[in-house]
Amino acid sequence: MTDDVPVTEAPTAPTTQARLPDAILADVPVVDTAALDPPTTELPTTAAAVGDEVETEEVDTRPLDELLDDLYHGQERISQADIYRRAVAAELPAQLLSRLNALPQGEYAVDEVTDLLGGSTG
């Protein structure tokens, strides 16, 4: 058993109250000036706004070619999941891993994978 003492009085109210300044509480209309401000050009752009003059970095597919040579040695078709698992274990670059991860689930012959991924193994 516990030695609980019954509460006979209501708790007292706090003695200090926080109050916002009257200027904040005044009924002043709020004007959205975002539409009036000129657009800011210092913000980063999105990929959709990038012009044709930007060159994309070419990915070295040699590690992928070597991995596929090793994987398909004696195999006709391999699943996307197995290819991706082995690519992660082989520490392929992130760009190649994202390409492998984007492949639809299923089994692929080596020529199908290289066509889809941009490799050169044949």
PDB file of N, CA and C in Angstrom:
ATOM      1  N   MET A   1       0.835  -1.174   0.000  1.00  0.00           N
ATOM      2  CA  MET A   1       0.000   0.000   0.000  1.00  0.00           C
ATOM      3  C   MET A   1       0.878   1.234   0.000  1.00  0.00           C
ATOM      4  N   THR A   2       0.303   2.285  -0.495  1.00  0.00           N
ATOM      5  CA  THR A   2       1.052   3.532  -0.523  1.00  0.00           C
ATOM      6  C   THR A   2       0.452   4.506   0.467  1.00  0.00           C
ATOM      7  N   ASP A   3       1.207   5.485   0.821  1.00  0.00           N
ATOM      8  CA  ASP A   3       0.733   6.509   1.763  1.00  0.00           C
ATOM      9  C   ASP A   3       0.241   7.721   0.988  1.00  0.00           C
ATOM     10  N   ASP A   4      -0.743   7.510   0.118  1.00  0.00           N
ATOM     11  CA  ASP A   4      -1.280   8.617  -0.670  1.00  0.00           C
ATOM     12  C   ASP A   4      -2.134   9.512   0.213  1.00  0.00           C
ATOM     13  N   VAL A   5      -1.939  10.778   0.027  1.00  0.00           N
ATOM     14  CA  VAL A   5      -2.732  11.755   0.763  1.00  0.00           C
ATOM     15  C   VAL A   5      -3.778  12.291  -0.197  1.00  0.00           C
ATOM     16  N   PRO A   6      -5.023  12.268   0.130  1.00  0.00           N
ATOM     17  CA  PRO A   6      -6.044  12.773  -0.780  1.00  0.00           C
ATOM     18  C   PRO A   6      -5.917  14.282  -0.951  1.00  0.00           C
ATOM     19  N   VAL A   7      -6.165  14.715  -2.170  1.00  0.00           N
ATOM     20  CA  VAL A   7      -6.094  16.136  -2.475  1.00  0.00           C
ATOM     21  C   VAL A   7      -7.440  16.750  -2.139  1.00  0.00           C
ATOM     22  N   THR A   8      -7.421  17.776  -1.287  1.00  0.00           N
ATOM     23  CA  THR A   8      -8.674  18.411  -0.885  1.00  0.00           C
ATOM     24  C   THR A   8      -8.831  19.790  -1.506  1.00  0.00           C
ATOM     25  N   GLU A   9      -7.764  20.335  -2.056  1.00  0.00           N
ATOM     26  CA  GLU A   9      -7.837  21.663  -2.648  1.00  0.00           C
ATOM     27  C   GLU A   9      -7.539  21.578  -4.140  1.00  0.00           C
ATOM     28  N   ALA A  10      -8.100  22.508  -4.884  1.00  0.00           N
ATOM     29  CA  ALA A  10      -7.813  22.603  -6.311  1.00  0.00           C
ATOM     30  C   ALA A  10      -6.436  23.224  -6.484  1.00  0.00           C
ATOM     31  N   PRO A  11      -5.720  22.828  -7.507  1.00  0.00           N
ATOM     32  CA  PRO A  11      -4.406  23.438  -7.717  1.00  0.00           C
ATOM     33  C   PRO A  11      -4.554  24.933  -7.968  1.00  0.00           C
ATOM     34  N   THR A  12      -3.559  25.665  -7.545  1.00  0.00           N
ATOM     35  CA  THR A  12      -3.605  27.115  -7.705  1.00  0.00           C
ATOM     36  C   THR A  12      -3.188  27.494  -9.114  1.00  0.00           C
ATOM     37  N   ALA A  13      -3.746  28.593  -9.607  1.00  0.00           N
ATOM     38  CA  ALA A  13      -3.420  29.097 -10.944  1.00  0.00           C
ATOM     39  C   ALA A  13      -2.055  29.775 -10.908  1.00  0.00           C
ATOM     40  N   PRO A  14      -1.356  29.783 -12.041  1.00  0.00           N
ATOM     41  CA  PRO A  14      -0.052  30.461 -12.051  1.00  0.00           C
ATOM     42  C   PRO A  14      -0.236  31.943 -11.744  1.00  0.00           C
ATOM     43  N   THR A  15       0.755  32.509 -11.085  1.00  0.00           N
ATOM     44  CA  THR A  15       0.639  33.902 -10.672  1.00  0.00           C
ATOM     45  C   THR A  15       1.085  34.863 -11.765  1.00  0.00           C
ATOM     46  N   THR A  16       1.874  34.407 -12.722  1.00  0.00           N
ATOM     47  CA  THR A  16       2.303  35.285 -13.809  1.00  0.00           C
ATOM     48  C   THR A  16       1.729  34.754 -15.102  1.00  0.00           C
ATOM     49  N   GLN A  17       1.356  35.659 -15.973  1.00  0.00           N
ATOM     50  CA  GLN A  17       0.812  35.275 -17.264  1.00  0.00           C
ATOM     51  C   GLN A  17       1.657  35.922 -18.350  1.00  0.00           C
ATOM     52  N   ALA A  18       1.954  35.158 -19.374  1.00  0.00           N
ATOM     53  CA  ALA A  18       2.686  35.719 -20.504  1.00  0.00           C
ATOM     54  C   ALA A  18       1.696  36.440 -21.391  1.00  0.00           C
ATOM     55  N   ARG A  19       2.048  37.615 -21.870  1.00  0.00           N
ATOM     56  CA  ARG A  19       1.158  38.394 -22.726  1.00  0.00           C
ATOM     57  C   ARG A  19       1.971  38.942 -23.889  1.00  0.00           C
ATOM     58  N   LEU A  20       1.400  38.814 -25.061  1.00  0.00           N
ATOM     59  CA  LEU A  20       2.036  39.360 -26.244  1.00  0.00           C
ATOM     60  C   LEU A  20       1.868  40.864 -26.255  1.00  0.00           C
ATOM     61  N   PRO A  21       2.804  41.565 -26.863  1.00  0.00           N
ATOM     62  CA  PRO A  21       2.663  43.029 -26.945  1.00  0.00           C
ATOM     63  C   PRO A  21       1.410  43.405 -27.726  1.00  0.00           C
ATOM     64  N   ASP A  22       0.827  44.538 -27.367  1.00  0.00           N
ATOM     65  CA  ASP A  22      -0.414  44.981 -28.000  1.00  0.00           C
ATOM     66  C   ASP A  22      -0.244  45.197 -29.499  1.00  0.00           C
ATOM     67  N   ALA A  23       0.942  45.580 -29.937  1.00  0.00           N
ATOM     68  CA  ALA A  23       1.167  45.817 -31.367  1.00  0.00           C
ATOM     69  C   ALA A  23       0.994  44.528 -32.164  1.00  0.00           C
ATOM     70  N   ILE A  24       1.338  43.407 -31.585  1.00  0.00           N
ATOM     71  CA  ILE A  24       1.188  42.127 -32.276  1.00  0.00           C
ATOM     72  C   ILE A  24      -0.272  41.703 -32.278  1.00  0.00           C
ATOM     73  N   LEU A  25      -0.986  42.046 -31.221  1.00  0.00           N
ATOM     74  CA  LEU A  25      -2.372  41.638 -31.094  1.00  0.00           C
ATOM     75  C   LEU A  25      -3.341  42.538 -31.843  1.00  0.00           C
ATOM     76  N   ALA A  26      -2.868  43.673 -32.349  1.00  0.00           N
ATOM     77  CA  ALA A  26      -3.755  44.615 -33.033  1.00  0.00           C
ATOM     78  C   ALA A  26      -4.299  44.000 -34.315  1.00  0.00           C
ATOM     79  N   ASP A  27      -5.508  44.406 -34.676  1.00  0.00           N
ATOM     80  CA  ASP A  27      -6.141  43.918 -35.901  1.00  0.00           C
ATOM     81  C   ASP A  27      -5.612  44.711 -37.087  1.00  0.00           C
ATOM     82  N   VAL A  28      -4.498  44.262 -37.615  1.00  0.00           N
ATOM     83  CA  VAL A  28      -3.866  44.913 -38.752  1.00  0.00           C
ATOM     84  C   VAL A  28      -3.953  43.957 -39.927  1.00  0.00           C
ATOM     85  N   PRO A  29      -4.390  44.441 -41.094  1.00  0.00           N
ATOM     86  CA  PRO A  29      -4.456  43.534 -42.240  1.00  0.00           C
ATOM     87  C   PRO A  29      -3.063  43.046 -42.629  1.00  0.00           C
ATOM     88  N   VAL A  30      -3.000  41.789 -42.998  1.00  0.00           N
ATOM     89  CA  VAL A  30      -1.738  41.178 -43.414  1.00  0.00           C
ATOM     90  C   VAL A  30      -1.695  41.196 -44.935  1.00  0.00           C
ATOM     91  N   VAL A  31      -0.582  41.689 -45.464  1.00  0.00           N
ATOM     92  CA  VAL A  31      -0.418  41.761 -46.912  1.00  0.00           C
ATOM     93  C   VAL A  31       0.670  40.790 -47.322  1.00  0.00           C
ATOM     94  N   ASP A  32       0.357  39.913 -48.266  1.00  0.00           N
ATOM     95  CA  ASP A  32       1.340  38.975 -48.794  1.00  0.00           C
ATOM     96  C   ASP A  32       2.137  39.686 -49.870  1.00  0.00           C
ATOM     97  N   THR A  33       3.385  39.961 -49.581  1.00  0.00           N
ATOM     98  CA  THR A  33       4.215  40.698 -50.540  1.00  0.00           C
ATOM     99  C   THR A  33       5.019  39.783 -51.437  1.00  0.00           C
ATOM    100  N   ALA A  34       4.869  38.489 -51.305  1.00  0.00           N
ATOM    101  CA  ALA A  34       5.656  37.561 -52.119  1.00  0.00           C
ATOM    102  C   ALA A  34       5.362  37.753 -53.594  1.00  0.00           C
ATOM    103  N   ALA A  35       4.112  38.022 -53.941  1.00  0.00           N
ATOM    104  CA  ALA A  35       3.762  38.221 -55.346  1.00  0.00           C
ATOM    105  C   ALA A  35       4.285  39.552 -55.864  1.00  0.00           C
ATOM    106  N   LEU A  36       4.552  40.498 -54.974  1.00  0.00           N
ATOM    107  CA  LEU A  36       5.022  41.814 -55.384  1.00  0.00           C
ATOM    108  C   LEU A  36       6.538  41.877 -55.524  1.00  0.00           C
ATOM    109  N   ASP A  37       7.242  41.022 -54.800  1.00  0.00           N
ATOM    110  CA  ASP A  37       8.699  41.030 -54.838  1.00  0.00           C
ATOM    111  C   ASP A  37       9.205  40.503 -56.164  1.00  0.00           C
ATOM    112  N   PRO A  38      10.312  41.072 -56.676  1.00  0.00           N
ATOM    113  CA  PRO A  38      10.879  40.532 -57.918  1.00  0.00           C
ATOM    114  C   PRO A  38      11.446  39.145 -57.659  1.00  0.00           C
ATOM    115  N   PRO A  39      11.429  38.275 -58.667  1.00  0.00           N
ATOM    116  CA  PRO A  39      11.972  36.925 -58.458  1.00  0.00           C
ATOM    117  C   PRO A  39      13.460  36.975 -58.141  1.00  0.00           C
ATOM    118  N   THR A  40      13.880  36.089 -57.271  1.00  0.00           N
ATOM    119  CA  THR A  40      15.284  36.004 -56.892  1.00  0.00           C
ATOM    120  C   THR A  40      16.002  35.071 -57.845  1.00  0.00           C
ATOM    121  N   THR A  41      17.114  35.510 -58.374  1.00  0.00           N
ATOM    122  CA  THR A  41      17.868  34.682 -59.316  1.00  0.00           C
ATOM    123  C   THR A  41      19.056  34.004 -58.660  1.00  0.00           C
ATOM    124  N   GLU A  42      19.240  34.205 -57.373  1.00  0.00           N
ATOM    125  CA  GLU A  42      20.393  33.627 -56.680  1.00  0.00           C
ATOM    126  C   GLU A  42      20.118  32.219 -56.156  1.00  0.00           C
ATOM    127  N   LEU A  43      18.903  31.740 -56.309  1.00  0.00           N
ATOM    128  CA  LEU A  43      18.566  30.408 -55.822  1.00  0.00           C
ATOM    129  C   LEU A  43      19.077  29.346 -56.784  1.00  0.00           C
ATOM    130  N   PRO A  44      19.399  28.151 -56.291  1.00  0.00           N
ATOM    131  CA  PRO A  44      19.838  27.085 -57.193  1.00  0.00           C
ATOM    132  C   PRO A  44      18.711  26.687 -58.130  1.00  0.00           C
ATOM    133  N   THR A  45      19.065  26.283 -59.321  1.00  0.00           N
ATOM    134  CA  THR A  45      18.068  25.892 -60.304  1.00  0.00           C
ATOM    135  C   THR A  45      17.819  24.400 -60.235  1.00  0.00           C
ATOM    136  N   THR A  46      16.745  23.981 -60.838  1.00  0.00           N
ATOM    137  CA  THR A  46      16.425  22.553 -60.885  1.00  0.00           C
ATOM    138  C   THR A  46      16.997  21.966 -62.162  1.00  0.00           C
ATOM    139  N   ALA A  47      17.001  20.654 -62.254  1.00  0.00           N
ATOM    140  CA  ALA A  47      17.542  19.992 -63.442  1.00  0.00           C
ATOM    141  C   ALA A  47      16.723  20.342 -64.674  1.00  0.00           C
ATOM    142  N   ALA A  48      15.435  20.631 -64.505  1.00  0.00           N
ATOM    143  CA  ALA A  48      14.596  20.963 -65.651  1.00  0.00           C
ATOM    144  C   ALA A  48      14.982  22.305 -66.254  1.00  0.00           C
ATOM    145  N   ALA A  49      15.565  23.188 -65.442  1.00  0.00           N
ATOM    146  CA  ALA A  49      15.910  24.507 -65.925  1.00  0.00           C
ATOM    147  C   ALA A  49      17.335  24.573 -66.482  1.00  0.00           C
ATOM    148  N   VAL A  50      18.074  23.493 -66.435  1.00  0.00           N
ATOM    149  CA  VAL A  50      19.452  23.490 -66.898  1.00  0.00           C
ATOM    150  C   VAL A  50      19.468  23.451 -68.417  1.00  0.00           C
ATOM    151  N   GLY A  51      20.263  24.309 -69.002  1.00  0.00           N
ATOM    152  CA  GLY A  51      20.331  24.398 -70.455  1.00  0.00           C
ATOM    153  C   GLY A  51      21.165  23.305 -71.071  1.00  0.00           C
ATOM    154  N   ASP A  52      21.239  23.314 -72.400  1.00  0.00           N
ATOM    155  CA  ASP A  52      21.988  22.298 -73.128  1.00  0.00           C
ATOM    156  C   ASP A  52      23.494  22.455 -72.983  1.00  0.00           C
ATOM    157  N   GLU A  53      23.956  23.617 -72.550  1.00  0.00           N
ATOM    158  CA  GLU A  53      25.392  23.842 -72.459  1.00  0.00           C
ATOM    159  C   GLU A  53      26.053  23.084 -71.319  1.00  0.00           C
ATOM    160  N   VAL A  54      25.265  22.517 -70.400  1.00  0.00           N
ATOM    161  CA  VAL A  54      25.812  21.760 -69.287  1.00  0.00           C
ATOM    162  C   VAL A  54      26.131  20.355 -69.763  1.00  0.00           C
ATOM    163  N   GLU A  55      27.362  19.920 -69.527  1.00  0.00           N
ATOM    164  CA  GLU A  55      27.772  18.582 -69.927  1.00  0.00           C
ATOM    165  C   GLU A  55      27.578  17.626 -68.763  1.00  0.00           C
ATOM    166  N   THR A  56      27.077  16.453 -69.055  1.00  0.00           N
ATOM    167  CA  THR A  56      26.937  15.442 -68.014  1.00  0.00           C
ATOM    168  C   THR A  56      28.230  14.640 -67.926  1.00  0.00           C
ATOM    169  N   GLU A  57      28.563  14.250 -66.722  1.00  0.00           N
ATOM    170  CA  GLU A  57      29.788  13.491 -66.493  1.00  0.00           C
ATOM    171  C   GLU A  57      29.621  12.073 -67.015  1.00  0.00           C
ATOM    172  N   GLU A  58      30.557  11.647 -67.838  1.00  0.00           N
ATOM    173  CA  GLU A  58      30.522  10.290 -68.387  1.00  0.00           C
ATOM    174  C   GLU A  58      30.988   9.310 -67.308  1.00  0.00           C
ATOM    175  N   VAL A  59      30.231   8.256 -67.113  1.00  0.00           N
ATOM    176  CA  VAL A  59      30.547   7.262 -66.093  1.00  0.00           C
ATOM    177  C   VAL A  59      31.422   6.179 -66.716  1.00  0.00           C
ATOM    178  N   ASP A  60      32.481   5.818 -66.015  1.00  0.00           N
ATOM    179  CA  ASP A  60      33.366   4.741 -66.453  1.00  0.00           C
ATOM    180  C   ASP A  60      32.658   3.412 -66.196  1.00  0.00           C
ATOM    181  N   THR A  61      32.345   2.692 -67.259  1.00  0.00           N
ATOM    182  CA  THR A  61      31.600   1.433 -67.127  1.00  0.00           C
ATOM    183  C   THR A  61      32.506   0.212 -67.047  1.00  0.00           C
ATOM    184  N   ARG A  62      33.810   0.412 -67.030  1.00  0.00           N
ATOM    185  CA  ARG A  62      34.717  -0.750 -66.958  1.00  0.00           C
ATOM    186  C   ARG A  62      34.480  -1.625 -65.733  1.00  0.00           C
ATOM    187  N   PRO A  63      34.278  -1.036 -64.532  1.00  0.00           N
ATOM    188  CA  PRO A  63      33.992  -1.918 -63.379  1.00  0.00           C
ATOM    189  C   PRO A  63      32.719  -2.739 -63.580  1.00  0.00           C
ATOM    190  N   LEU A  64      31.723  -2.148 -64.235  1.00  0.00           N
ATOM    191  CA  LEU A  64      30.489  -2.866 -64.517  1.00  0.00           C
ATOM    192  C   LEU A  64      30.747  -3.987 -65.514  1.00  0.00           C
ATOM    193  N   ASP A  65      31.530  -3.707 -66.551  1.00  0.00           N
ATOM    194  CA  ASP A  65      31.857  -4.727 -67.548  1.00  0.00           C
ATOM    195  C   ASP A  65      32.580  -5.910 -66.911  1.00  0.00           C
ATOM    196  N   GLU A  66      33.526  -5.604 -66.011  1.00  0.00           N
ATOM    197  CA  GLU A  66      34.274  -6.676 -65.343  1.00  0.00           C
ATOM    198  C   GLU A  66      33.357  -7.501 -64.443  1.00  0.00           C
ATOM    199  N   LEU A  67      32.458  -6.816 -63.739  1.00  0.00           N
ATOM    200  CA  LEU A  67      31.516  -7.517 -62.870  1.00  0.00           C
ATOM    201  C   LEU A  67      30.605  -8.426 -63.688  1.00  0.00           C
ATOM    202  N   LEU A  68      30.095  -7.917 -64.796  1.00  0.00           N
ATOM    203  CA  LEU A  68      29.193  -8.717 -65.631  1.00  0.00           C
ATOM    204  C   LEU A  68      29.921  -9.906 -66.255  1.00  0.00           C
ATOM    205  N   ASP A  69      31.190  -9.709 -66.672  1.00  0.00           N
ATOM    206  CA  ASP A  69      31.985 -10.837 -67.187  1.00  0.00           C
ATOM    207  C   ASP A  69      32.069 -11.945 -66.144  1.00  0.00           C
ATOM    208  N   ASP A  70      32.351 -11.541 -64.907  1.00  0.00           N
ATOM    209  CA  ASP A  70      32.486 -12.514 -63.825  1.00  0.00           C
ATOM    210  C   ASP A  70      31.144 -13.174 -63.506  1.00  0.00           C
ATOM    211  N   LEU A  71      30.087 -12.385 -63.446  1.00  0.00           N
ATOM    212  CA  LEU A  71      28.766 -12.912 -63.101  1.00  0.00           C
ATOM    213  C   LEU A  71      28.241 -13.891 -64.134  1.00  0.00           C
ATOM    214  N   TYR A  72      28.384 -13.552 -65.395  1.00  0.00           N
ATOM    215  CA  TYR A  72      27.774 -14.354 -66.448  1.00  0.00           C
ATOM    216  C   TYR A  72      28.663 -15.503 -66.925  1.00  0.00           C
ATOM    217  N   HIS A  73      29.801 -15.703 -66.269  1.00  0.00           N
ATOM    218  CA  HIS A  73      30.661 -16.830 -66.626  1.00  0.00           C
ATOM    219  C   HIS A  73      29.915 -18.126 -66.307  1.00  0.00           C
ATOM    220  N   GLY A  74      29.475 -18.837 -67.359  1.00  0.00           N
ATOM    221  CA  GLY A  74      28.746 -20.093 -67.186  1.00  0.00           C
ATOM    222  C   GLY A  74      27.269 -19.901 -66.881  1.00  0.00           C
ATOM    223  N   GLN A  75      26.771 -18.686 -66.907  1.00  0.00           N
ATOM    224  CA  GLN A  75      25.363 -18.407 -66.631  1.00  0.00           C
ATOM    225  C   GLN A  75      24.723 -17.774 -67.860  1.00  0.00           C
ATOM    226  N   GLU A  76      23.493 -18.143 -68.137  1.00  0.00           N
ATOM    227  CA  GLU A  76      22.802 -17.557 -69.279  1.00  0.00           C
ATOM    228  C   GLU A  76      21.980 -16.343 -68.874  1.00  0.00           C
ATOM    229  N   ARG A  77      21.273 -16.444 -67.754  1.00  0.00           N
ATOM    230  CA  ARG A  77      20.433 -15.347 -67.279  1.00  0.00           C
ATOM    231  C   ARG A  77      20.633 -15.184 -65.775  1.00  0.00           C
ATOM    232  N   ILE A  78      20.608 -13.937 -65.314  1.00  0.00           N
ATOM    233  CA  ILE A  78      20.772 -13.641 -63.883  1.00  0.00           C
ATOM    234  C   ILE A  78      19.734 -12.591 -63.498  1.00  0.00           C
ATOM    235  N   SER A  79      19.204 -12.707 -62.304  1.00  0.00           N
ATOM    236  CA  SER A  79      18.172 -11.767 -61.854  1.00  0.00           C
ATOM    237  C   SER A  79      18.775 -10.400 -61.537  1.00  0.00           C
ATOM    238  N   GLN A  80      17.929  -9.382 -61.646  1.00  0.00           N
ATOM    239  CA  GLN A  80      18.349  -8.016 -61.342  1.00  0.00           C
ATOM    240  C   GLN A  80      18.809  -7.922 -59.892  1.00  0.00           C
ATOM    241  N   ALA A  81      18.126  -8.601 -58.983  1.00  0.00           N
ATOM    242  CA  ALA A  81      18.486  -8.560 -57.566  1.00  0.00           C
ATOM    243  C   ALA A  81      19.880  -9.139 -57.330  1.00  0.00           C
ATOM    244  N   ASP A  82      20.207 -10.256 -58.011  1.00  0.00           N
ATOM    245  CA  ASP A  82      21.536 -10.848 -57.847  1.00  0.00           C
ATOM    246  C   ASP A  82      22.620  -9.943 -58.429  1.00  0.00           C
ATOM    247  N   ILE A  83      22.348  -9.344 -59.567  1.00  0.00           N
ATOM    248  CA  ILE A  83      23.323  -8.429 -60.175  1.00  0.00           C
ATOM    249  C   ILE A  83      23.567  -7.255 -59.236  1.00  0.00           C
ATOM    250  N   TYR A  84      22.497  -6.679 -58.704  1.00  0.00           N
ATOM    251  CA  TYR A  84      22.625  -5.529 -57.816  1.00  0.00           C
ATOM    252  C   TYR A  84      23.379  -5.896 -56.543  1.00  0.00           C
ATOM    253  N   ARG A  85      23.058  -7.058 -55.960  1.00  0.00           N
ATOM    254  CA  ARG A  85      23.738  -7.506 -54.743  1.00  0.00           C
ATOM    255  C   ARG A  85      25.247  -7.631 -54.963  1.00  0.00           C
ATOM    256  N   ARG A  86      25.617  -8.241 -56.070  1.00  0.00           N
ATOM    257  CA  ARG A  86      27.044  -8.406 -56.379  1.00  0.00           C
ATOM    258  C   ARG A  86      27.710  -7.065 -56.669  1.00  0.00           C
ATOM    259  N   ALA A  87      26.979  -6.135 -57.299  1.00  0.00           N
ATOM    260  CA  ALA A  87      27.539  -4.810 -57.589  1.00  0.00           C
ATOM    261  C   ALA A  87      27.802  -4.040 -56.301  1.00  0.00           C
ATOM    262  N   VAL A  88      26.911  -4.164 -55.340  1.00  0.00           N
ATOM    263  CA  VAL A  88      27.119  -3.510 -54.045  1.00  0.00           C
ATOM    264  C   VAL A  88      28.329  -4.116 -53.348  1.00  0.00           C
ATOM    265  N   ALA A  89      28.433  -5.440 -53.381  1.00  0.00           N
ATOM    266  CA  ALA A  89      29.571  -6.114 -52.744  1.00  0.00           C
ATOM    267  C   ALA A  89      30.887  -5.744 -53.418  1.00  0.00           C
ATOM    268  N   ALA A  90      30.834  -5.487 -54.739  1.00  0.00           N
ATOM    269  CA  ALA A  90      32.039  -5.108 -55.475  1.00  0.00           C
ATOM    270  C   ALA A  90      32.343  -3.617 -55.360  1.00  0.00           C
ATOM    271  N   GLU A  91      31.496  -2.881 -54.634  1.00  0.00           N
ATOM    272  CA  GLU A  91      31.668  -1.450 -54.403  1.00  0.00           C
ATOM    273  C   GLU A  91      31.757  -0.655 -55.705  1.00  0.00           C
ATOM    274  N   LEU A  92      30.821  -0.918 -56.617  1.00  0.00           N
ATOM    275  CA  LEU A  92      30.738  -0.139 -57.848  1.00  0.00           C
ATOM    276  C   LEU A  92      30.349   1.295 -57.517  1.00  0.00           C
ATOM    277  N   PRO A  93      30.690   2.237 -58.391  1.00  0.00           N
ATOM    278  CA  PRO A  93      30.325   3.645 -58.141  1.00  0.00           C
ATOM    279  C   PRO A  93      28.814   3.816 -58.002  1.00  0.00           C
ATOM    280  N   ALA A  94      28.415   4.825 -57.261  1.00  0.00           N
ATOM    281  CA  ALA A  94      27.001   5.067 -56.972  1.00  0.00           C
ATOM    282  C   ALA A  94      26.176   5.259 -58.238  1.00  0.00           C
ATOM    283  N   GLN A  95      26.742   5.879 -59.258  1.00  0.00           N
ATOM    284  CA  GLN A  95      25.993   6.094 -60.494  1.00  0.00           C
ATOM    285  C   GLN A  95      25.652   4.765 -61.166  1.00  0.00           C
ATOM    286  N   LEU A  96      26.575   3.824 -61.137  1.00  0.00           N
ATOM    287  CA  LEU A  96      26.302   2.511 -61.719  1.00  0.00           C
ATOM    288  C   LEU A  96      25.310   1.730 -60.868  1.00  0.00           C
ATOM    289  N   LEU A  97      25.432   1.862 -59.547  1.00  0.00           N
ATOM    290  CA  LEU A  97      24.484   1.181 -58.661  1.00  0.00           C
ATOM    291  C   LEU A  97      23.068   1.714 -58.872  1.00  0.00           C
ATOM    292  N   SER A  98      22.943   3.015 -59.065  1.00  0.00           N
ATOM    293  CA  SER A  98      21.598   3.563 -59.277  1.00  0.00           C
ATOM    294  C   SER A  98      21.018   3.088 -60.605  1.00  0.00           C
ATOM    295  N   ARG A  99      21.868   2.900 -61.616  1.00  0.00           N
ATOM    296  CA  ARG A  99      21.391   2.346 -62.888  1.00  0.00           C
ATOM    297  C   ARG A  99      20.909   0.916 -62.708  1.00  0.00           C
ATOM    298  N   LEU A 100      21.683   0.125 -61.969  1.00  0.00           N
ATOM    299  CA  LEU A 100      21.283  -1.265 -61.718  1.00  0.00           C
ATOM    300  C   LEU A 100      19.995  -1.338 -60.906  1.00  0.00           C
ATOM    301  N   ASN A 101      19.870  -0.463 -59.945  1.00  0.00           N
ATOM    302  CA  ASN A 101      18.684  -0.456 -59.098  1.00  0.00           C
ATOM    303  C   ASN A 101      17.442  -0.037 -59.890  1.00  0.00           C
ATOM    304  N   ALA A 102      17.632   0.737 -60.953  1.00  0.00           N
ATOM    305  CA  ALA A 102      16.506   1.204 -61.761  1.00  0.00           C
ATOM    306  C   ALA A 102      15.992   0.136 -62.730  1.00  0.00           C
ATOM    307  N   LEU A 103      16.749  -0.927 -62.916  1.00  0.00           N
ATOM    308  CA  LEU A 103      16.284  -1.999 -63.794  1.00  0.00           C
ATOM    309  C   LEU A 103      15.031  -2.649 -63.220  1.00  0.00           C
ATOM    310  N   PRO A 104      14.070  -2.968 -64.072  1.00  0.00           N
ATOM    311  CA  PRO A 104      12.899  -3.703 -63.574  1.00  0.00           C
ATOM    312  C   PRO A 104      13.312  -5.087 -63.066  1.00  0.00           C
ATOM    313  N   GLN A 105      12.568  -5.591 -62.101  1.00  0.00           N
ATOM    314  CA  GLN A 105      12.835  -6.925 -61.566  1.00  0.00           C
ATOM    315  C   GLN A 105      12.689  -7.950 -62.681  1.00  0.00           C
ATOM    316  N   GLY A 106      13.506  -8.960 -62.644  1.00  0.00           N
ATOM    317  CA  GLY A 106      13.447 -10.017 -63.639  1.00  0.00           C
ATOM    318  C   GLY A 106      14.826 -10.551 -63.924  1.00  0.00           C
ATOM    319  N   GLU A 107      14.894 -11.486 -64.852  1.00  0.00           N
ATOM    320  CA  GLU A 107      16.181 -12.067 -65.239  1.00  0.00           C
ATOM    321  C   GLU A 107      16.619 -11.486 -66.567  1.00  0.00           C
ATOM    322  N   TYR A 108      17.930 -11.323 -66.705  1.00  0.00           N
ATOM    323  CA  TYR A 108      18.503 -10.701 -67.895  1.00  0.00           C
ATOM    324  C   TYR A 108      19.650 -11.532 -68.431  1.00  0.00           C
ATOM    325  N   ALA A 109      19.759 -11.564 -69.754  1.00  0.00           N
ATOM    326  CA  ALA A 109      20.953 -12.090 -70.408  1.00  0.00           C
ATOM    327  C   ALA A 109      21.977 -10.964 -70.409  1.00  0.00           C
ATOM    328  N   VAL A 110      23.240 -11.299 -70.600  1.00  0.00           N
ATOM    329  CA  VAL A 110      24.298 -10.295 -70.514  1.00  0.00           C
ATOM    330  C   VAL A 110      24.107  -9.184 -71.546  1.00  0.00           C
ATOM    331  N   ASP A 111      23.670  -9.522 -72.754  1.00  0.00           N
ATOM    332  CA  ASP A 111      23.502  -8.476 -73.770  1.00  0.00           C
ATOM    333  C   ASP A 111      22.342  -7.543 -73.428  1.00  0.00           C
ATOM    334  N   GLU A 112      21.306  -8.058 -72.774  1.00  0.00           N
ATOM    335  CA  GLU A 112      20.198  -7.208 -72.358  1.00  0.00           C
ATOM    336  C   GLU A 112      20.645  -6.203 -71.290  1.00  0.00           C
ATOM    337  N   VAL A 113      21.417  -6.681 -70.331  1.00  0.00           N
ATOM    338  CA  VAL A 113      21.906  -5.800 -69.255  1.00  0.00           C
ATOM    339  C   VAL A 113      22.824  -4.732 -69.807  1.00  0.00           C
ATOM    340  N   THR A 114      23.755  -5.107 -70.668  1.00  0.00           N
ATOM    341  CA  THR A 114      24.695  -4.121 -71.193  1.00  0.00           C
ATOM    342  C   THR A 114      23.987  -3.095 -72.061  1.00  0.00           C
ATOM    343  N   ASP A 115      22.979  -3.505 -72.814  1.00  0.00           N
ATOM    344  CA  ASP A 115      22.219  -2.552 -73.623  1.00  0.00           C
ATOM    345  C   ASP A 115      21.485  -1.549 -72.723  1.00  0.00           C
ATOM    346  N   LEU A 116      20.887  -2.054 -71.652  1.00  0.00           N
ATOM    347  CA  LEU A 116      20.112  -1.196 -70.762  1.00  0.00           C
ATOM    348  C   LEU A 116      20.989  -0.282 -69.924  1.00  0.00           C
ATOM    349  N   LEU A 117      22.188  -0.738 -69.573  1.00  0.00           N
ATOM    350  CA  LEU A 117      23.049   0.016 -68.666  1.00  0.00           C
ATOM    351  C   LEU A 117      24.136   0.815 -69.372  1.00  0.00           C
ATOM    352  N   GLY A 118      24.330   0.588 -70.641  1.00  0.00           N
ATOM    353  CA  GLY A 118      25.365   1.328 -71.349  1.00  0.00           C
ATOM    354  C   GLY A 118      26.740   0.729 -71.225  1.00  0.00           C
ATOM    355  N   GLY A 119      26.837  -0.533 -70.855  1.00  0.00           N
ATOM    356  CA  GLY A 119      28.136  -1.201 -70.769  1.00  0.00           C
ATOM    357  C   GLY A 119      28.566  -1.699 -72.132  1.00  0.00           C
ATOM    358  N   SER A 120      29.699  -2.360 -72.206  1.00  0.00           N
ATOM    359  CA  SER A 120      30.202  -2.827 -73.508  1.00  0.00           C
ATOM    360  C   SER A 120      30.481  -4.313 -73.533  1.00  0.00           C
ATOM    361  N   THR A 121      30.185  -5.035 -72.465  1.00  0.00           N
ATOM    362  CA  THR A 121      30.446  -6.470 -72.436  1.00  0.00           C
ATOM    363  C   THR A 121      29.500  -7.166 -73.383  1.00  0.00           C
ATOM    364  N   GLY A 122      30.000  -8.113 -74.125  1.00  0.00           N
ATOM    365  CA  GLY A 122      29.115  -8.776 -75.077  1.00  0.00           C
ATOM    366  C   GLY A 122      29.311 -10.238 -75.200  1.00  0.00           C
TER     367      GLY A 122
END
